PDB file of N, CA and C in Angstrom:
ATOM      1  N   MET A   1     163.026 129.922  70.855  1.00  0.00           N
ATOM      2  CA  MET A   1     162.239 130.656  69.888  1.00  0.00           C
ATOM      3  C   MET A   1     161.278 129.685  69.210  1.00  0.00           C
ATOM      4  N   SER A   2     160.048 130.039  69.103  1.00  0.00           N
ATOM      5  CA  SER A   2     159.021 129.192  68.515  1.00  0.00           C
ATOM      6  C   SER A   2     158.897 129.480  67.028  1.00  0.00           C
ATOM      7  N   ASN A   3     158.702 128.431  66.266  1.00  0.00           N
ATOM      8  CA  ASN A   3     158.504 128.562  64.840  1.00  0.00           C
ATOM      9  C   ASN A   3     157.124 128.011  64.516  1.00  0.00           C
ATOM     10  N   GLU A   4     156.226 128.868  64.042  1.00  0.00           N
ATOM     11  CA  GLU A   4     154.865 128.417  63.789  1.00  0.00           C
ATOM     12  C   GLU A   4     154.788 127.422  62.639  1.00  0.00           C
ATOM     13  N   ASN A   5     155.844 127.306  61.839  1.00  0.00           N
ATOM     14  CA  ASN A   5     155.878 126.352  60.740  1.00  0.00           C
ATOM     15  C   ASN A   5     156.614 125.076  61.114  1.00  0.00           C
ATOM     16  N   GLU A   6     156.846 124.868  62.393  1.00  0.00           N
ATOM     17  CA  GLU A   6     157.573 123.680  62.865  1.00  0.00           C
ATOM     18  C   GLU A   6     156.842 122.414  62.435  1.00  0.00           C
ATOM     19  N   VAL A   7     157.607 121.446  61.979  1.00  0.00           N
ATOM     20  CA  VAL A   7     157.059 120.152  61.575  1.00  0.00           C
ATOM     21  C   VAL A   7     156.998 119.249  62.799  1.00  0.00           C
ATOM     22  N   PHE A   8     155.870 118.566  62.971  1.00  0.00           N
ATOM     23  CA  PHE A   8     155.701 117.608  64.066  1.00  0.00           C
ATOM     24  C   PHE A   8     155.617 116.210  63.477  1.00  0.00           C
ATOM     25  N   TRP A   9     156.318 115.264  64.116  1.00  0.00           N
ATOM     26  CA  TRP A   9     156.323 113.880  63.668  1.00  0.00           C
ATOM     27  C   TRP A   9     155.590 113.013  64.679  1.00  0.00           C
ATOM     28  N   PRO A  10     154.625 112.207  64.229  1.00  0.00           N
ATOM     29  CA  PRO A  10     153.947 111.282  65.143  1.00  0.00           C
ATOM     30  C   PRO A  10     154.836 110.089  65.469  1.00  0.00           C
ATOM     31  N   ALA A  11     154.497 109.386  66.531  1.00  0.00           N
ATOM     32  CA  ALA A  11     155.283 108.230  66.989  1.00  0.00           C
ATOM     33  C   ALA A  11     155.468 107.211  65.870  1.00  0.00           C
ATOM     34  N   ARG A  12     154.434 106.973  65.107  1.00  0.00           N
ATOM     35  CA  ARG A  12     154.513 105.994  64.014  1.00  0.00           C
ATOM     36  C   ARG A  12     155.616 106.367  63.022  1.00  0.00           C
ATOM     37  N   ASP A  13     155.724 107.650  62.685  1.00  0.00           N
ATOM     38  CA  ASP A  13     156.756 108.104  61.748  1.00  0.00           C
ATOM     39  C   ASP A  13     158.155 107.980  62.350  1.00  0.00           C
ATOM     40  N   LEU A  14     158.273 108.276  63.651  1.00  0.00           N
ATOM     41  CA  LEU A  14     159.589 108.131  64.289  1.00  0.00           C
ATOM     42  C   LEU A  14     160.004 106.671  64.333  1.00  0.00           C
ATOM     43  N   ALA A  15     159.066 105.795  64.651  1.00  0.00           N
ATOM     44  CA  ALA A  15     159.382 104.367  64.685  1.00  0.00           C
ATOM     45  C   ALA A  15     159.866 103.911  63.308  1.00  0.00           C
ATOM     46  N   GLU A  16     159.203 104.359  62.273  1.00  0.00           N
ATOM     47  CA  GLU A  16     159.612 104.011  60.910  1.00  0.00           C
ATOM     48  C   GLU A  16     160.986 104.597  60.586  1.00  0.00           C
ATOM     49  N   ARG A  17     161.223 105.806  61.032  1.00  0.00           N
ATOM     50  CA  ARG A  17     162.505 106.480  60.793  1.00  0.00           C
ATOM     51  C   ARG A  17     163.675 105.656  61.335  1.00  0.00           C
ATOM     52  N   TYR A  18     163.469 105.024  62.484  1.00  0.00           N
ATOM     53  CA  TYR A  18     164.534 104.261  63.130  1.00  0.00           C
ATOM     54  C   TYR A  18     164.438 102.760  62.873  1.00  0.00           C
ATOM     55  N   GLY A  19     163.451 102.346  62.100  1.00  0.00           N
ATOM     56  CA  GLY A  19     163.293 100.923  61.835  1.00  0.00           C
ATOM     57  C   GLY A  19     162.902 100.140  63.079  1.00  0.00           C
ATOM     58  N   ARG A  20     162.129 100.769  63.949  1.00  0.00           N
ATOM     59  CA  ARG A  20     161.691 100.166  65.205  1.00  0.00           C
ATOM     60  C   ARG A  20     160.170 100.253  65.308  1.00  0.00           C
ATOM     61  N   THR A  21     159.627  99.835  66.437  1.00  0.00           N
ATOM     62  CA  THR A  21     158.190  99.930  66.677  1.00  0.00           C
ATOM     63  C   THR A  21     157.903 101.073  67.640  1.00  0.00           C
ATOM     64  N   VAL A  22     156.621 101.450  67.734  1.00  0.00           N
ATOM     65  CA  VAL A  22     156.252 102.501  68.687  1.00  0.00           C
ATOM     66  C   VAL A  22     156.489 102.022  70.117  1.00  0.00           C
ATOM     67  N   TYR A  23     156.426 100.714  70.347  1.00  0.00           N
ATOM     68  CA  TYR A  23     156.700 100.172  71.683  1.00  0.00           C
ATOM     69  C   TYR A  23     158.164 100.397  72.062  1.00  0.00           C
ATOM     70  N   THR A  24     159.042 100.324  71.069  1.00  0.00           N
ATOM     71  CA  THR A  24     160.457 100.610  71.321  1.00  0.00           C
ATOM     72  C   THR A  24     160.634 102.074  71.717  1.00  0.00           C
ATOM     73  N   LEU A  25     159.910 102.965  71.067  1.00  0.00           N
ATOM     74  CA  LEU A  25     159.985 104.389  71.447  1.00  0.00           C
ATOM     75  C   LEU A  25     159.594 104.559  72.910  1.00  0.00           C
ATOM     76  N   ASN A  26     158.575 103.833  73.349  1.00  0.00           N
ATOM     77  CA  ASN A  26     158.162 103.908  74.759  1.00  0.00           C
ATOM     78  C   ASN A  26     159.312 103.504  75.676  1.00  0.00           C
ATOM     79  N   ARG A  27     160.012 102.436  75.303  1.00  0.00           N
ATOM     80  CA  ARG A  27     161.154 101.983  76.114  1.00  0.00           C
ATOM     81  C   ARG A  27     162.273 103.006  76.094  1.00  0.00           C
ATOM     82  N   TRP A  28     162.515 103.619  74.947  1.00  0.00           N
ATOM     83  CA  TRP A  28     163.569 104.631  74.852  1.00  0.00           C
ATOM     84  C   TRP A  28     163.260 105.824  75.760  1.00  0.00           C
ATOM     85  N   ILE A  29     162.001 106.232  75.794  1.00  0.00           N
ATOM     86  CA  ILE A  29     161.617 107.366  76.641  1.00  0.00           C
ATOM     87  C   ILE A  29     161.866 107.033  78.110  1.00  0.00           C
ATOM     88  N   LYS A  30     161.568 105.799  78.503  1.00  0.00           N
ATOM     89  CA  LYS A  30     161.755 105.387  79.899  1.00  0.00           C
ATOM     90  C   LYS A  30     163.225 105.161  80.257  1.00  0.00           C
ATOM     91  N   ASN A  31     164.068 104.893  79.265  1.00  0.00           N
ATOM     92  CA  ASN A  31     165.489 104.625  79.494  1.00  0.00           C
ATOM     93  C   ASN A  31     166.231 105.953  79.684  1.00  0.00           C
ATOM     94  N   LYS A  32     166.539 106.281  80.918  1.00  0.00           N
ATOM     95  CA  LYS A  32     167.171 107.566  81.236  1.00  0.00           C
ATOM     96  C   LYS A  32     168.548 107.715  80.593  1.00  0.00           C
ATOM     97  N   ASP A  33     169.242 106.593  80.332  1.00  0.00           N
ATOM     98  CA  ASP A  33     170.566 106.661  79.720  1.00  0.00           C
ATOM     99  C   ASP A  33     170.510 107.160  78.278  1.00  0.00           C
ATOM    100  N   LEU A  34     169.435 106.836  77.558  1.00  0.00           N
ATOM    101  CA  LEU A  34     169.318 107.256  76.160  1.00  0.00           C
ATOM    102  C   LEU A  34     168.927 108.723  76.026  1.00  0.00           C
ATOM    103  N   LYS A  35     168.232 109.224  77.037  1.00  0.00           N
ATOM    104  CA  LYS A  35     167.764 110.610  77.035  1.00  0.00           C
ATOM    105  C   LYS A  35     166.924 110.941  75.802  1.00  0.00           C
ATOM    106  N   PHE A  36     166.148 109.928  75.348  1.00  0.00           N
ATOM    107  CA  PHE A  36     165.239 110.175  74.235  1.00  0.00           C
ATOM    108  C   PHE A  36     164.165 111.140  74.711  1.00  0.00           C
ATOM    109  N   PRO A  37     163.890 112.179  73.923  1.00  0.00           N
ATOM    110  CA  PRO A  37     162.948 113.210  74.396  1.00  0.00           C
ATOM    111  C   PRO A  37     161.506 112.712  74.458  1.00  0.00           C
ATOM    112  N   PRO A  38     160.777 113.148  75.461  1.00  0.00           N
ATOM    113  CA  PRO A  38     159.350 112.841  75.495  1.00  0.00           C
ATOM    114  C   PRO A  38     158.649 113.649  74.389  1.00  0.00           C
ATOM    115  N   PRO A  39     157.423 113.301  74.068  1.00  0.00           N
ATOM    116  CA  PRO A  39     156.713 114.056  73.026  1.00  0.00           C
ATOM    117  C   PRO A  39     156.605 115.538  73.396  1.00  0.00           C
ATOM    118  N   ASP A  40     156.685 116.373  72.380  1.00  0.00           N
ATOM    119  CA  ASP A  40     156.513 117.815  72.602  1.00  0.00           C
ATOM    120  C   ASP A  40     155.048 118.181  72.772  1.00  0.00           C
ATOM    121  N   MET A  41     154.175 117.319  72.235  1.00  0.00           N
ATOM    122  CA  MET A  41     152.750 117.626  72.274  1.00  0.00           C
ATOM    123  C   MET A  41     151.973 116.314  72.186  1.00  0.00           C
ATOM    124  N   ILE A  42     150.848 116.266  72.848  1.00  0.00           N
ATOM    125  CA  ILE A  42     149.930 115.132  72.715  1.00  0.00           C
ATOM    126  C   ILE A  42     148.577 115.707  72.325  1.00  0.00           C
ATOM    127  N   VAL A  43     148.076 115.257  71.174  1.00  0.00           N
ATOM    128  CA  VAL A  43     146.799 115.740  70.666  1.00  0.00           C
ATOM    129  C   VAL A  43     145.891 114.535  70.456  1.00  0.00           C
ATOM    130  N   ASN A  44     144.790 114.512  71.180  1.00  0.00           N
ATOM    131  CA  ASN A  44     143.828 113.401  71.093  1.00  0.00           C
ATOM    132  C   ASN A  44     144.527 112.048  71.235  1.00  0.00           C
ATOM    133  N   GLY A  45     145.465 111.969  72.152  1.00  0.00           N
ATOM    134  CA  GLY A  45     146.167 110.724  72.415  1.00  0.00           C
ATOM    135  C   GLY A  45     147.322 110.430  71.468  1.00  0.00           C
ATOM    136  N   HIS A  46     147.533 111.271  70.472  1.00  0.00           N
ATOM    137  CA  HIS A  46     148.619 111.077  69.516  1.00  0.00           C
ATOM    138  C   HIS A  46     149.848 111.858  69.975  1.00  0.00           C
ATOM    139  N   ARG A  47     150.953 111.139  70.154  1.00  0.00           N
ATOM    140  CA  ARG A  47     152.196 111.768  70.601  1.00  0.00           C
ATOM    141  C   ARG A  47     152.924 112.361  69.405  1.00  0.00           C
ATOM    142  N   LEU A  48     153.323 113.627  69.553  1.00  0.00           N
ATOM    143  CA  LEU A  48     153.982 114.353  68.465  1.00  0.00           C
ATOM    144  C   LEU A  48     155.301 114.947  68.951  1.00  0.00           C
ATOM    145  N   TRP A  49     156.338 114.806  68.137  1.00  0.00           N
ATOM    146  CA  TRP A  49     157.649 115.374  68.432  1.00  0.00           C
ATOM    147  C   TRP A  49     157.961 116.429  67.386  1.00  0.00           C
ATOM    148  N   LYS A  50     158.536 117.540  67.811  1.00  0.00           N
ATOM    149  CA  LYS A  50     159.029 118.533  66.864  1.00  0.00           C
ATOM    150  C   LYS A  50     160.222 117.921  66.139  1.00  0.00           C
ATOM    151  N   ALA A  51     160.303 118.176  64.847  1.00  0.00           N
ATOM    152  CA  ALA A  51     161.438 117.675  64.068  1.00  0.00           C
ATOM    153  C   ALA A  51     162.746 118.187  64.662  1.00  0.00           C
ATOM    154  N   SER A  52     162.762 119.422  65.126  1.00  0.00           N
ATOM    155  CA  SER A  52     163.980 119.997  65.699  1.00  0.00           C
ATOM    156  C   SER A  52     164.381 119.288  66.992  1.00  0.00           C
ATOM    157  N   THR A  53     163.412 118.839  67.779  1.00  0.00           N
ATOM    158  CA  THR A  53     163.708 118.096  69.006  1.00  0.00           C
ATOM    159  C   THR A  53     164.372 116.768  68.683  1.00  0.00           C
ATOM    160  N   VAL A  54     163.823 116.072  67.682  1.00  0.00           N
ATOM    161  CA  VAL A  54     164.370 114.770  67.287  1.00  0.00           C
ATOM    162  C   VAL A  54     165.783 114.935  66.731  1.00  0.00           C
ATOM    163  N   ARG A  55     165.974 115.926  65.866  1.00  0.00           N
ATOM    164  CA  ARG A  55     167.305 116.149  65.283  1.00  0.00           C
ATOM    165  C   ARG A  55     168.328 116.517  66.355  1.00  0.00           C
ATOM    166  N   ALA A  56     167.912 117.297  67.327  1.00  0.00           N
ATOM    167  CA  ALA A  56     168.824 117.667  68.416  1.00  0.00           C
ATOM    168  C   ALA A  56     169.244 116.428  69.196  1.00  0.00           C
ATOM    169  N   TRP A  57     168.305 115.512  69.435  1.00  0.00           N
ATOM    170  CA  TRP A  57     168.643 114.268  70.129  1.00  0.00           C
ATOM    171  C   TRP A  57     169.586 113.423  69.282  1.00  0.00           C
ATOM    172  N   GLU A  58     169.303 113.320  67.984  1.00  0.00           N
ATOM    173  CA  GLU A  58     170.150 112.526  67.093  1.00  0.00           C
ATOM    174  C   GLU A  58     171.574 113.064  67.032  1.00  0.00           C
ATOM    175  N   ASP A  59     171.694 114.380  67.041  1.00  0.00           N
ATOM    176  CA  ASP A  59     173.007 115.016  66.898  1.00  0.00           C
ATOM    177  C   ASP A  59     173.696 115.316  68.215  1.00  0.00           C
ATOM    178  N   GLY A  60     172.959 115.206  69.319  1.00  0.00           N
ATOM    179  CA  GLY A  60     173.469 115.639  70.611  1.00  0.00           C
ATOM    180  C   GLY A  60     174.372 114.650  71.303  1.00  0.00           C
ATOM    181  N   PRO A  61     175.045 115.118  72.331  1.00  0.00           N
ATOM    182  CA  PRO A  61     175.969 114.270  73.090  1.00  0.00           C
ATOM    183  C   PRO A  61     175.262 113.130  73.813  1.00  0.00           C
ATOM    184  N   ALA A  62     173.966 113.265  74.083  1.00  0.00           N
ATOM    185  CA  ALA A  62     173.238 112.189  74.764  1.00  0.00           C
ATOM    186  C   ALA A  62     173.204 110.938  73.893  1.00  0.00           C
ATOM    187  N   GLN A  63     173.155 111.117  72.601  1.00  0.00           N
ATOM    188  CA  GLN A  63     173.096 109.982  71.683  1.00  0.00           C
ATOM    189  C   GLN A  63     174.489 109.381  71.480  1.00  0.00           C
ATOM    190  N   ARG A  64     175.507 110.200  71.448  1.00  0.00           N
ATOM    191  CA  ARG A  64     176.858 109.700  71.235  1.00  0.00           C
ATOM    192  C   ARG A  64     177.316 108.890  72.438  1.00  0.00           C
ATOM    193  N   GLY A  65     177.956 107.788  72.189  1.00  0.00           N
ATOM    194  CA  GLY A  65     178.492 106.981  73.274  1.00  0.00           C
ATOM    195  C   GLY A  65     177.505 106.026  73.894  1.00  0.00           C
ATOM    196  N   THR A  66     176.282 105.945  73.362  1.00  0.00           N
ATOM    197  CA  THR A  66     175.328 104.982  73.900  1.00  0.00           C
ATOM    198  C   THR A  66     175.518 103.647  73.216  1.00  0.00           C
ATOM    199  N   LYS A  67     174.933 102.624  73.786  1.00  0.00           N
ATOM    200  CA  LYS A  67     175.023 101.289  73.211  1.00  0.00           C
ATOM    201  C   LYS A  67     173.958 101.072  72.137  1.00  0.00           C
ATOM    202  N   LEU A  68     173.126 102.072  71.915  1.00  0.00           N
ATOM    203  CA  LEU A  68     172.068 101.964  70.927  1.00  0.00           C
ATOM    204  C   LEU A  68     172.670 101.987  69.534  1.00  0.00           C
ATOM    205  N   THR A  69     172.383 100.974  68.755  1.00  0.00           N
ATOM    206  CA  THR A  69     172.841 100.933  67.377  1.00  0.00           C
ATOM    207  C   THR A  69     171.666 101.313  66.495  1.00  0.00           C
ATOM    208  N   MET A  70     171.811 102.416  65.830  1.00  0.00           N
ATOM    209  CA  MET A  70     170.731 102.918  65.004  1.00  0.00           C
ATOM    210  C   MET A  70     170.943 102.488  63.565  1.00  0.00           C
ATOM    211  N   PRO A  71     169.898 102.015  62.892  1.00  0.00           N
ATOM    212  CA  PRO A  71     170.026 101.752  61.468  1.00  0.00           C
ATOM    213  C   PRO A  71     170.101 103.083  60.727  1.00  0.00           C
ATOM    214  N   ALA A  72     170.533 103.050  59.500  1.00  0.00           N
ATOM    215  CA  ALA A  72     170.537 104.279  58.716  1.00  0.00           C
ATOM    216  C   ALA A  72     169.112 104.800  58.680  1.00  0.00           C
ATOM    217  N   ARG A  73     168.935 106.039  59.096  1.00  0.00           N
ATOM    218  CA  ARG A  73     167.575 106.561  59.188  1.00  0.00           C
ATOM    219  C   ARG A  73     167.040 106.942  57.824  1.00  0.00           C
ATOM    220  N   ALA A  74     165.786 106.700  57.656  1.00  0.00           N
ATOM    221  CA  ALA A  74     165.111 107.092  56.421  1.00  0.00           C
ATOM    222  C   ALA A  74     164.695 108.547  56.566  1.00  0.00           C
ATOM    223  N   PRO A  75     164.832 109.325  55.516  1.00  0.00           N
ATOM    224  CA  PRO A  75     164.378 110.724  55.619  1.00  0.00           C
ATOM    225  C   PRO A  75     162.878 110.766  55.805  1.00  0.00           C
ATOM    226  N   HIS A  76     162.439 111.703  56.606  1.00  0.00           N
ATOM    227  CA  HIS A  76     161.013 111.898  56.821  1.00  0.00           C
ATOM    228  C   HIS A  76     160.414 112.527  55.558  1.00  0.00           C
ATOM    229  N   ALA A  77     159.149 112.274  55.321  1.00  0.00           N
ATOM    230  CA  ALA A  77     158.484 112.795  54.130  1.00  0.00           C
ATOM    231  C   ALA A  77     158.635 114.308  54.013  1.00  0.00           C
ATOM    232  N   ALA A  78     158.585 115.005  55.140  1.00  0.00           N
ATOM    233  CA  ALA A  78     158.732 116.465  55.122  1.00  0.00           C
ATOM    234  C   ALA A  78     160.129 116.855  54.668  1.00  0.00           C
ATOM    235  N   GLU A  79     161.138 116.068  55.045  1.00  0.00           N
ATOM    236  CA  GLU A  79     162.492 116.362  54.610  1.00  0.00           C
ATOM    237  C   GLU A  79     162.648 116.119  53.110  1.00  0.00           C
ATOM    238  N   GLN A  80     162.001 115.067  52.596  1.00  0.00           N
ATOM    239  CA  GLN A  80     162.077 114.772  51.174  1.00  0.00           C
ATOM    240  C   GLN A  80     161.426 115.884  50.359  1.00  0.00           C
ATOM    241  N   ALA A  81     160.347 116.451  50.865  1.00  0.00           N
ATOM    242  CA  ALA A  81     159.660 117.509  50.156  1.00  0.00           C
ATOM    243  C   ALA A  81     160.516 118.752  50.051  1.00  0.00           C
ATOM    244  N   ILE A  82     161.351 119.004  51.056  1.00  0.00           N
ATOM    245  CA  ILE A  82     162.207 120.190  51.080  1.00  0.00           C
ATOM    246  C   ILE A  82     163.371 120.019  50.118  1.00  0.00           C
ATOM    247  N   ALA A  83     163.900 118.799  50.023  1.00  0.00           N
ATOM    248  CA  ALA A  83     165.102 118.533  49.216  1.00  0.00           C
ATOM    249  C   ALA A  83     164.865 118.682  47.745  1.00  0.00           C
TER     250      ALA A  83
END
C-alpha cells in the first residue's frame, strides 16, 4: 500500500543515522549478506530511501545475526518532529 505522505531519506541522512559515510552505504548495498535495501527512488542522481524501508531493514531478520555492529542510531529529523 502506498502512502503519499511517506518520508524519504537521502543517502547523506542515512549515513549520519548510522554514523557512517555514504561510501559505506554503497558497500552495504553491494554486500548480499547484509541485505541492505537499494534506494527506493533516484531523483536527479540523489538516492532516496523510504523511511519504512529503512525501518523494516533495521527491524528485520536480515539485520539480526549479522556481523555488522551498529552504533546507537540518531533519530531522523522527521522522527523528532513527530515526537
